[in-house]
């Protein structure tokens, strides 16, 4: 991270929600850059071109889902150690277990509490709450 400032990749096909999350995080997290990708395929391209410190991703998206993005990240040495937070409407036990088995670090269900999301991201980045 540049001077302890994070590069965050936010992946969600709902532009309004993605923008809202970026505003919440931008106010509370020492962030160098917040990149928004509209699907997992676009996110994968960003991960190849930029240094990213944490990924926040929705599960259900066109082209490449959050679960597929997570699988690809964990299989690639360049991206395998990047913390991944799944932010999704899927609250069933099978989805949570599947994400954990794939290597997700945090899992939060929509609708979510903004303060809890900020705490999780700060923890993943090693920033103080």
N, C-alpha and C. Protein backbone atom coordinates (compact mmCIF):
# COMPACT_ATOMS: atom_id res chain seq x y z
N UNK A 1 0.83 -1.18 0.00
CA UNK A 1 0.00 0.00 0.00
C UNK A 1 0.88 1.24 0.00
N UNK A 2 0.45 2.24 -0.68
CA UNK A 2 1.18 3.49 -0.75
C UNK A 2 0.94 4.29 0.53
N UNK A 3 2.01 4.49 1.30
CA UNK A 3 1.91 5.26 2.56
C UNK A 3 0.71 4.82 3.38
N UNK A 4 0.52 3.51 3.48
CA UNK A 4 -0.56 2.90 4.25
C UNK A 4 -1.95 3.24 3.70
N UNK A 5 -2.02 3.66 2.47
CA UNK A 5 -3.31 3.92 1.83
C UNK A 5 -3.65 2.76 0.91
N UNK A 6 -4.89 2.34 0.96
CA UNK A 6 -5.33 1.13 0.27
C UNK A 6 -5.77 1.39 -1.16
N UNK A 7 -5.55 0.38 -1.99
CA UNK A 7 -6.14 0.32 -3.33
C UNK A 7 -7.23 -0.74 -3.26
N UNK A 8 -8.48 -0.30 -3.36
CA UNK A 8 -9.63 -1.18 -3.19
C UNK A 8 -10.31 -1.40 -4.54
N UNK A 9 -10.65 -2.65 -4.80
CA UNK A 9 -11.43 -3.00 -6.00
C UNK A 9 -12.82 -3.41 -5.54
N UNK A 10 -13.83 -2.69 -6.01
CA UNK A 10 -15.22 -2.95 -5.69
C UNK A 10 -15.90 -3.49 -6.94
N UNK A 11 -16.50 -4.68 -6.83
CA UNK A 11 -17.08 -5.34 -8.00
C UNK A 11 -18.56 -5.57 -7.75
N UNK A 12 -19.40 -4.87 -8.51
CA UNK A 12 -20.85 -5.02 -8.38
C UNK A 12 -21.51 -4.51 -9.65
N UNK A 13 -22.44 -5.29 -10.19
CA UNK A 13 -23.11 -4.89 -11.43
C UNK A 13 -24.22 -3.87 -11.19
N UNK A 14 -24.51 -3.55 -9.95
CA UNK A 14 -25.49 -2.51 -9.63
C UNK A 14 -24.72 -1.21 -9.38
N UNK A 15 -24.64 -0.38 -10.40
CA UNK A 15 -23.82 0.84 -10.36
C UNK A 15 -24.17 1.74 -9.18
N UNK A 16 -25.46 1.92 -8.90
CA UNK A 16 -25.88 2.80 -7.81
C UNK A 16 -25.36 2.28 -6.47
N UNK A 17 -25.48 0.99 -6.25
CA UNK A 17 -25.00 0.37 -5.01
C UNK A 17 -23.48 0.49 -4.91
N UNK A 18 -22.78 0.21 -6.01
CA UNK A 18 -21.32 0.31 -6.02
C UNK A 18 -20.87 1.72 -5.67
N UNK A 19 -21.53 2.71 -6.25
CA UNK A 19 -21.18 4.10 -5.97
C UNK A 19 -21.43 4.44 -4.50
N UNK A 20 -22.56 3.96 -3.96
CA UNK A 20 -22.87 4.19 -2.55
C UNK A 20 -21.84 3.58 -1.62
N UNK A 21 -21.43 2.36 -1.91
CA UNK A 21 -20.41 1.69 -1.09
C UNK A 21 -19.10 2.46 -1.18
N UNK A 22 -18.74 2.91 -2.37
CA UNK A 22 -17.47 3.64 -2.53
C UNK A 22 -17.49 4.95 -1.74
N UNK A 23 -18.64 5.60 -1.65
CA UNK A 23 -18.76 6.84 -0.87
C UNK A 23 -18.59 6.53 0.62
N UNK A 24 -19.27 5.49 1.10
CA UNK A 24 -19.16 5.08 2.51
C UNK A 24 -17.71 4.77 2.86
N UNK A 25 -17.07 3.95 2.05
CA UNK A 25 -15.68 3.55 2.33
C UNK A 25 -14.72 4.72 2.18
N UNK A 26 -14.96 5.57 1.18
CA UNK A 26 -14.08 6.71 0.95
C UNK A 26 -14.03 7.68 2.12
N UNK A 27 -15.13 7.77 2.86
CA UNK A 27 -15.20 8.68 4.00
C UNK A 27 -14.52 8.09 5.24
N UNK A 28 -14.45 6.77 5.32
CA UNK A 28 -14.01 6.14 6.57
C UNK A 28 -12.71 5.35 6.47
N UNK A 29 -12.20 5.14 5.26
CA UNK A 29 -11.00 4.33 5.08
C UNK A 29 -9.94 5.16 4.36
N UNK A 30 -8.71 5.05 4.85
CA UNK A 30 -7.59 5.75 4.22
C UNK A 30 -7.29 5.06 2.90
N UNK A 31 -7.85 5.61 1.84
CA UNK A 31 -7.85 4.94 0.54
C UNK A 31 -7.05 5.74 -0.48
N UNK A 32 -6.14 5.06 -1.16
CA UNK A 32 -5.38 5.66 -2.25
C UNK A 32 -6.23 5.71 -3.51
N UNK A 33 -6.85 4.55 -3.84
CA UNK A 33 -7.67 4.47 -5.04
C UNK A 33 -8.80 3.46 -4.84
N UNK A 34 -9.99 3.85 -5.28
CA UNK A 34 -11.15 2.96 -5.27
C UNK A 34 -11.53 2.72 -6.72
N UNK A 35 -11.38 1.47 -7.17
CA UNK A 35 -11.72 1.12 -8.54
C UNK A 35 -13.02 0.33 -8.52
N UNK A 36 -13.95 0.68 -9.41
CA UNK A 36 -15.22 -0.03 -9.51
C UNK A 36 -15.24 -0.81 -10.82
N UNK A 37 -15.54 -2.09 -10.71
CA UNK A 37 -15.74 -2.95 -11.88
C UNK A 37 -17.18 -3.44 -11.86
N UNK A 38 -17.79 -3.55 -13.03
CA UNK A 38 -19.21 -3.89 -13.13
C UNK A 38 -19.48 -5.39 -13.18
N UNK A 39 -18.43 -6.20 -13.33
CA UNK A 39 -18.60 -7.66 -13.31
C UNK A 39 -17.24 -8.31 -13.06
N UNK A 40 -17.25 -9.61 -12.84
CA UNK A 40 -16.02 -10.32 -12.53
C UNK A 40 -15.00 -10.31 -13.64
N UNK A 41 -15.47 -10.29 -14.87
CA UNK A 41 -14.54 -10.25 -16.01
C UNK A 41 -13.76 -8.94 -16.03
N UNK A 42 -14.46 -7.83 -15.84
CA UNK A 42 -13.81 -6.52 -15.77
C UNK A 42 -12.87 -6.46 -14.57
N UNK A 43 -13.30 -7.03 -13.44
CA UNK A 43 -12.47 -7.05 -12.23
C UNK A 43 -11.18 -7.81 -12.47
N UNK A 44 -11.26 -8.94 -13.18
CA UNK A 44 -10.08 -9.75 -13.46
C UNK A 44 -9.05 -8.93 -14.27
N UNK A 45 -9.54 -8.14 -15.23
CA UNK A 45 -8.65 -7.29 -16.02
C UNK A 45 -7.97 -6.25 -15.13
N UNK A 46 -8.74 -5.66 -14.20
CA UNK A 46 -8.17 -4.67 -13.27
C UNK A 46 -7.08 -5.32 -12.43
N UNK A 47 -7.33 -6.53 -11.95
CA UNK A 47 -6.35 -7.23 -11.11
C UNK A 47 -5.05 -7.53 -11.86
N UNK A 48 -5.11 -7.63 -13.16
CA UNK A 48 -3.91 -7.87 -13.95
C UNK A 48 -3.10 -6.59 -14.15
N UNK A 49 -3.77 -5.44 -14.07
CA UNK A 49 -3.13 -4.16 -14.39
C UNK A 49 -2.76 -3.30 -13.19
N UNK A 50 -3.42 -3.52 -12.05
CA UNK A 50 -3.21 -2.64 -10.89
C UNK A 50 -2.85 -3.44 -9.65
N UNK A 51 -2.18 -2.77 -8.73
CA UNK A 51 -1.91 -3.35 -7.42
C UNK A 51 -3.16 -3.12 -6.57
N UNK A 52 -3.80 -4.19 -6.18
CA UNK A 52 -5.03 -4.12 -5.38
C UNK A 52 -4.76 -4.73 -4.02
N UNK A 53 -5.24 -4.07 -2.95
CA UNK A 53 -5.01 -4.53 -1.60
C UNK A 53 -6.18 -5.33 -1.02
N UNK A 54 -7.38 -5.09 -1.53
CA UNK A 54 -8.55 -5.85 -1.09
C UNK A 54 -9.61 -5.79 -2.19
N UNK A 55 -10.35 -6.91 -2.33
CA UNK A 55 -11.44 -7.00 -3.29
C UNK A 55 -12.75 -7.16 -2.52
N UNK A 56 -13.73 -6.34 -2.87
CA UNK A 56 -15.08 -6.45 -2.34
C UNK A 56 -15.95 -6.80 -3.54
N UNK A 57 -16.62 -7.95 -3.50
CA UNK A 57 -17.34 -8.39 -4.69
C UNK A 57 -18.72 -8.94 -4.37
N UNK A 58 -19.66 -8.60 -5.24
CA UNK A 58 -20.97 -9.22 -5.25
C UNK A 58 -20.80 -10.66 -5.77
N UNK A 59 -21.78 -11.50 -5.53
CA UNK A 59 -21.73 -12.87 -6.03
C UNK A 59 -22.35 -12.96 -7.42
N UNK A 60 -23.61 -12.51 -7.53
CA UNK A 60 -24.38 -12.66 -8.77
C UNK A 60 -24.12 -11.48 -9.71
N UNK A 61 -23.37 -11.77 -10.78
CA UNK A 61 -23.07 -10.75 -11.79
C UNK A 61 -22.99 -11.43 -13.15
N UNK A 62 -23.19 -10.65 -14.21
CA UNK A 62 -23.04 -11.22 -15.56
C UNK A 62 -21.57 -11.47 -15.89
N UNK A 63 -21.33 -12.23 -16.93
CA UNK A 63 -20.01 -12.53 -17.49
C UNK A 63 -19.16 -13.41 -16.58
N UNK A 64 -18.88 -12.97 -15.35
CA UNK A 64 -18.13 -13.77 -14.39
C UNK A 64 -18.65 -13.43 -13.00
N UNK A 65 -19.12 -14.43 -12.28
CA UNK A 65 -19.68 -14.19 -10.95
C UNK A 65 -18.57 -13.91 -9.94
N UNK A 66 -18.97 -13.44 -8.77
CA UNK A 66 -18.02 -13.23 -7.70
C UNK A 66 -17.35 -14.53 -7.28
N UNK A 67 -18.10 -15.64 -7.28
CA UNK A 67 -17.54 -16.94 -6.93
C UNK A 67 -16.48 -17.36 -7.95
N UNK A 68 -16.75 -17.11 -9.23
CA UNK A 68 -15.78 -17.44 -10.28
C UNK A 68 -14.54 -16.55 -10.18
N UNK A 69 -14.74 -15.28 -9.87
CA UNK A 69 -13.62 -14.36 -9.68
C UNK A 69 -12.75 -14.82 -8.52
N UNK A 70 -13.37 -15.18 -7.41
CA UNK A 70 -12.64 -15.67 -6.25
C UNK A 70 -11.84 -16.92 -6.60
N UNK A 71 -12.45 -17.86 -7.29
CA UNK A 71 -11.77 -19.09 -7.70
C UNK A 71 -10.55 -18.78 -8.57
N UNK A 72 -10.72 -17.88 -9.53
CA UNK A 72 -9.62 -17.51 -10.42
C UNK A 72 -8.50 -16.80 -9.65
N UNK A 73 -8.88 -15.92 -8.72
CA UNK A 73 -7.88 -15.21 -7.93
C UNK A 73 -7.05 -16.18 -7.09
N UNK A 74 -7.71 -17.13 -6.45
CA UNK A 74 -7.01 -18.07 -5.58
C UNK A 74 -6.11 -19.01 -6.37
N UNK A 75 -6.43 -19.24 -7.63
CA UNK A 75 -5.64 -20.13 -8.48
C UNK A 75 -4.43 -19.43 -9.10
N UNK A 76 -4.35 -18.11 -8.99
CA UNK A 76 -3.29 -17.35 -9.63
C UNK A 76 -2.32 -16.82 -8.56
N UNK A 77 -1.02 -17.14 -8.64
CA UNK A 77 -0.06 -16.69 -7.63
C UNK A 77 -0.01 -15.17 -7.46
N UNK A 78 -0.28 -14.42 -8.51
CA UNK A 78 -0.25 -12.95 -8.44
C UNK A 78 -1.39 -12.39 -7.58
N UNK A 79 -2.52 -13.09 -7.55
CA UNK A 79 -3.70 -12.56 -6.85
C UNK A 79 -4.16 -13.42 -5.67
N UNK A 80 -3.52 -14.54 -5.44
CA UNK A 80 -4.02 -15.51 -4.45
C UNK A 80 -4.02 -14.99 -3.02
N UNK A 81 -3.15 -14.03 -2.71
CA UNK A 81 -3.07 -13.55 -1.32
C UNK A 81 -3.88 -12.28 -1.07
N UNK A 82 -4.57 -11.77 -2.09
CA UNK A 82 -5.39 -10.56 -1.91
C UNK A 82 -6.65 -10.93 -1.12
N UNK A 83 -6.89 -10.24 0.01
CA UNK A 83 -8.11 -10.52 0.78
C UNK A 83 -9.36 -10.27 -0.06
N UNK A 84 -10.34 -11.14 0.08
CA UNK A 84 -11.57 -11.09 -0.71
C UNK A 84 -12.76 -11.07 0.23
N UNK A 85 -13.60 -10.04 0.09
CA UNK A 85 -14.83 -9.94 0.87
C UNK A 85 -16.00 -10.11 -0.08
N UNK A 86 -16.84 -11.10 0.20
CA UNK A 86 -18.04 -11.32 -0.61
C UNK A 86 -19.18 -10.53 0.01
N UNK A 87 -19.77 -9.64 -0.76
CA UNK A 87 -20.88 -8.79 -0.34
C UNK A 87 -22.07 -9.18 -1.21
N UNK A 88 -23.01 -9.93 -0.65
CA UNK A 88 -24.02 -10.56 -1.48
C UNK A 88 -25.38 -10.66 -0.79
N UNK A 89 -26.38 -10.89 -1.58
CA UNK A 89 -27.72 -11.16 -1.05
C UNK A 89 -27.91 -12.63 -0.69
N UNK A 90 -26.93 -13.46 -0.99
CA UNK A 90 -27.04 -14.90 -0.74
C UNK A 90 -26.69 -15.22 0.71
N UNK A 91 -27.71 -15.57 1.49
CA UNK A 91 -27.48 -15.83 2.91
C UNK A 91 -27.63 -17.31 3.27
N UNK A 92 -27.93 -18.16 2.27
CA UNK A 92 -28.11 -19.58 2.58
C UNK A 92 -26.78 -20.22 2.97
N UNK A 93 -26.85 -21.22 3.82
CA UNK A 93 -25.68 -21.88 4.37
C UNK A 93 -24.78 -22.48 3.29
N UNK A 94 -25.36 -23.04 2.24
CA UNK A 94 -24.56 -23.63 1.16
C UNK A 94 -23.69 -22.58 0.46
N UNK A 95 -24.24 -21.40 0.24
CA UNK A 95 -23.47 -20.33 -0.41
C UNK A 95 -22.33 -19.86 0.49
N UNK A 96 -22.62 -19.67 1.77
CA UNK A 96 -21.60 -19.25 2.72
C UNK A 96 -20.48 -20.29 2.78
N UNK A 97 -20.85 -21.55 2.89
CA UNK A 97 -19.87 -22.64 2.97
C UNK A 97 -19.04 -22.71 1.68
N UNK A 98 -19.70 -22.59 0.55
CA UNK A 98 -19.02 -22.62 -0.74
C UNK A 98 -17.98 -21.50 -0.84
N UNK A 99 -18.36 -20.30 -0.41
CA UNK A 99 -17.43 -19.17 -0.45
C UNK A 99 -16.26 -19.38 0.50
N UNK A 100 -16.54 -19.90 1.70
CA UNK A 100 -15.47 -20.18 2.65
C UNK A 100 -14.51 -21.23 2.09
N UNK A 101 -15.04 -22.28 1.51
CA UNK A 101 -14.21 -23.32 0.93
C UNK A 101 -13.34 -22.79 -0.20
N UNK A 102 -13.84 -21.78 -0.92
CA UNK A 102 -13.10 -21.20 -2.04
C UNK A 102 -12.03 -20.20 -1.59
N UNK A 103 -12.07 -19.81 -0.31
CA UNK A 103 -11.04 -18.93 0.22
C UNK A 103 -11.46 -17.51 0.54
N UNK A 104 -12.77 -17.27 0.60
CA UNK A 104 -13.23 -15.93 0.97
C UNK A 104 -12.77 -15.62 2.39
N UNK A 105 -12.38 -14.37 2.64
CA UNK A 105 -11.90 -13.98 3.96
C UNK A 105 -13.04 -13.47 4.82
N UNK A 106 -13.93 -12.70 4.23
CA UNK A 106 -15.11 -12.17 4.93
C UNK A 106 -16.33 -12.35 4.03
N UNK A 107 -17.50 -12.45 4.66
CA UNK A 107 -18.76 -12.66 3.93
C UNK A 107 -19.80 -11.80 4.62
N UNK A 108 -20.41 -10.90 3.87
CA UNK A 108 -21.43 -10.02 4.45
C UNK A 108 -22.65 -10.05 3.53
N UNK A 109 -23.83 -10.10 4.16
CA UNK A 109 -25.08 -10.25 3.42
C UNK A 109 -25.76 -8.88 3.28
N UNK A 110 -26.25 -8.61 2.06
CA UNK A 110 -27.06 -7.41 1.80
C UNK A 110 -28.47 -7.65 2.32
N UNK A 111 -29.17 -6.67 2.84
CA UNK A 111 -28.65 -5.33 3.13
C UNK A 111 -27.66 -5.41 4.29
N UNK A 112 -26.69 -4.52 4.29
CA UNK A 112 -25.62 -4.58 5.27
C UNK A 112 -25.54 -3.28 6.05
N UNK A 113 -24.83 -3.34 7.16
CA UNK A 113 -24.58 -2.18 7.99
C UNK A 113 -23.26 -1.56 7.52
N UNK A 114 -23.29 -0.29 7.14
CA UNK A 114 -22.10 0.38 6.63
C UNK A 114 -20.93 0.38 7.61
N UNK A 115 -21.23 0.57 8.90
CA UNK A 115 -20.16 0.57 9.90
C UNK A 115 -19.49 -0.80 10.01
N UNK A 116 -20.29 -1.86 9.92
CA UNK A 116 -19.73 -3.22 9.96
C UNK A 116 -18.85 -3.48 8.74
N UNK A 117 -19.29 -3.02 7.57
CA UNK A 117 -18.49 -3.18 6.36
C UNK A 117 -17.16 -2.45 6.51
N UNK A 118 -17.19 -1.23 7.01
CA UNK A 118 -15.97 -0.45 7.22
C UNK A 118 -15.03 -1.17 8.17
N UNK A 119 -15.57 -1.70 9.28
CA UNK A 119 -14.73 -2.43 10.24
C UNK A 119 -14.07 -3.64 9.60
N UNK A 120 -14.83 -4.38 8.80
CA UNK A 120 -14.27 -5.56 8.12
C UNK A 120 -13.14 -5.16 7.17
N UNK A 121 -13.37 -4.12 6.38
CA UNK A 121 -12.35 -3.69 5.41
C UNK A 121 -11.10 -3.19 6.14
N UNK A 122 -11.29 -2.41 7.19
CA UNK A 122 -10.14 -1.92 7.96
C UNK A 122 -9.35 -3.10 8.54
N UNK A 123 -10.05 -4.10 9.02
CA UNK A 123 -9.39 -5.28 9.57
C UNK A 123 -8.58 -5.99 8.47
N UNK A 124 -9.18 -6.13 7.29
CA UNK A 124 -8.49 -6.78 6.17
C UNK A 124 -7.25 -6.00 5.74
N UNK A 125 -7.31 -4.69 5.88
CA UNK A 125 -6.20 -3.82 5.45
C UNK A 125 -5.18 -3.58 6.57
N UNK A 126 -5.51 -4.03 7.78
CA UNK A 126 -4.61 -3.79 8.90
C UNK A 126 -4.66 -2.36 9.40
N UNK A 127 -5.76 -1.65 9.09
CA UNK A 127 -5.93 -0.27 9.57
C UNK A 127 -6.66 -0.31 10.90
N UNK A 128 -6.39 0.69 11.74
CA UNK A 128 -7.07 0.78 13.04
C UNK A 128 -8.50 1.28 12.85
N UNK A 129 -9.42 0.71 13.66
CA UNK A 129 -10.83 1.13 13.60
C UNK A 129 -11.04 2.48 14.23
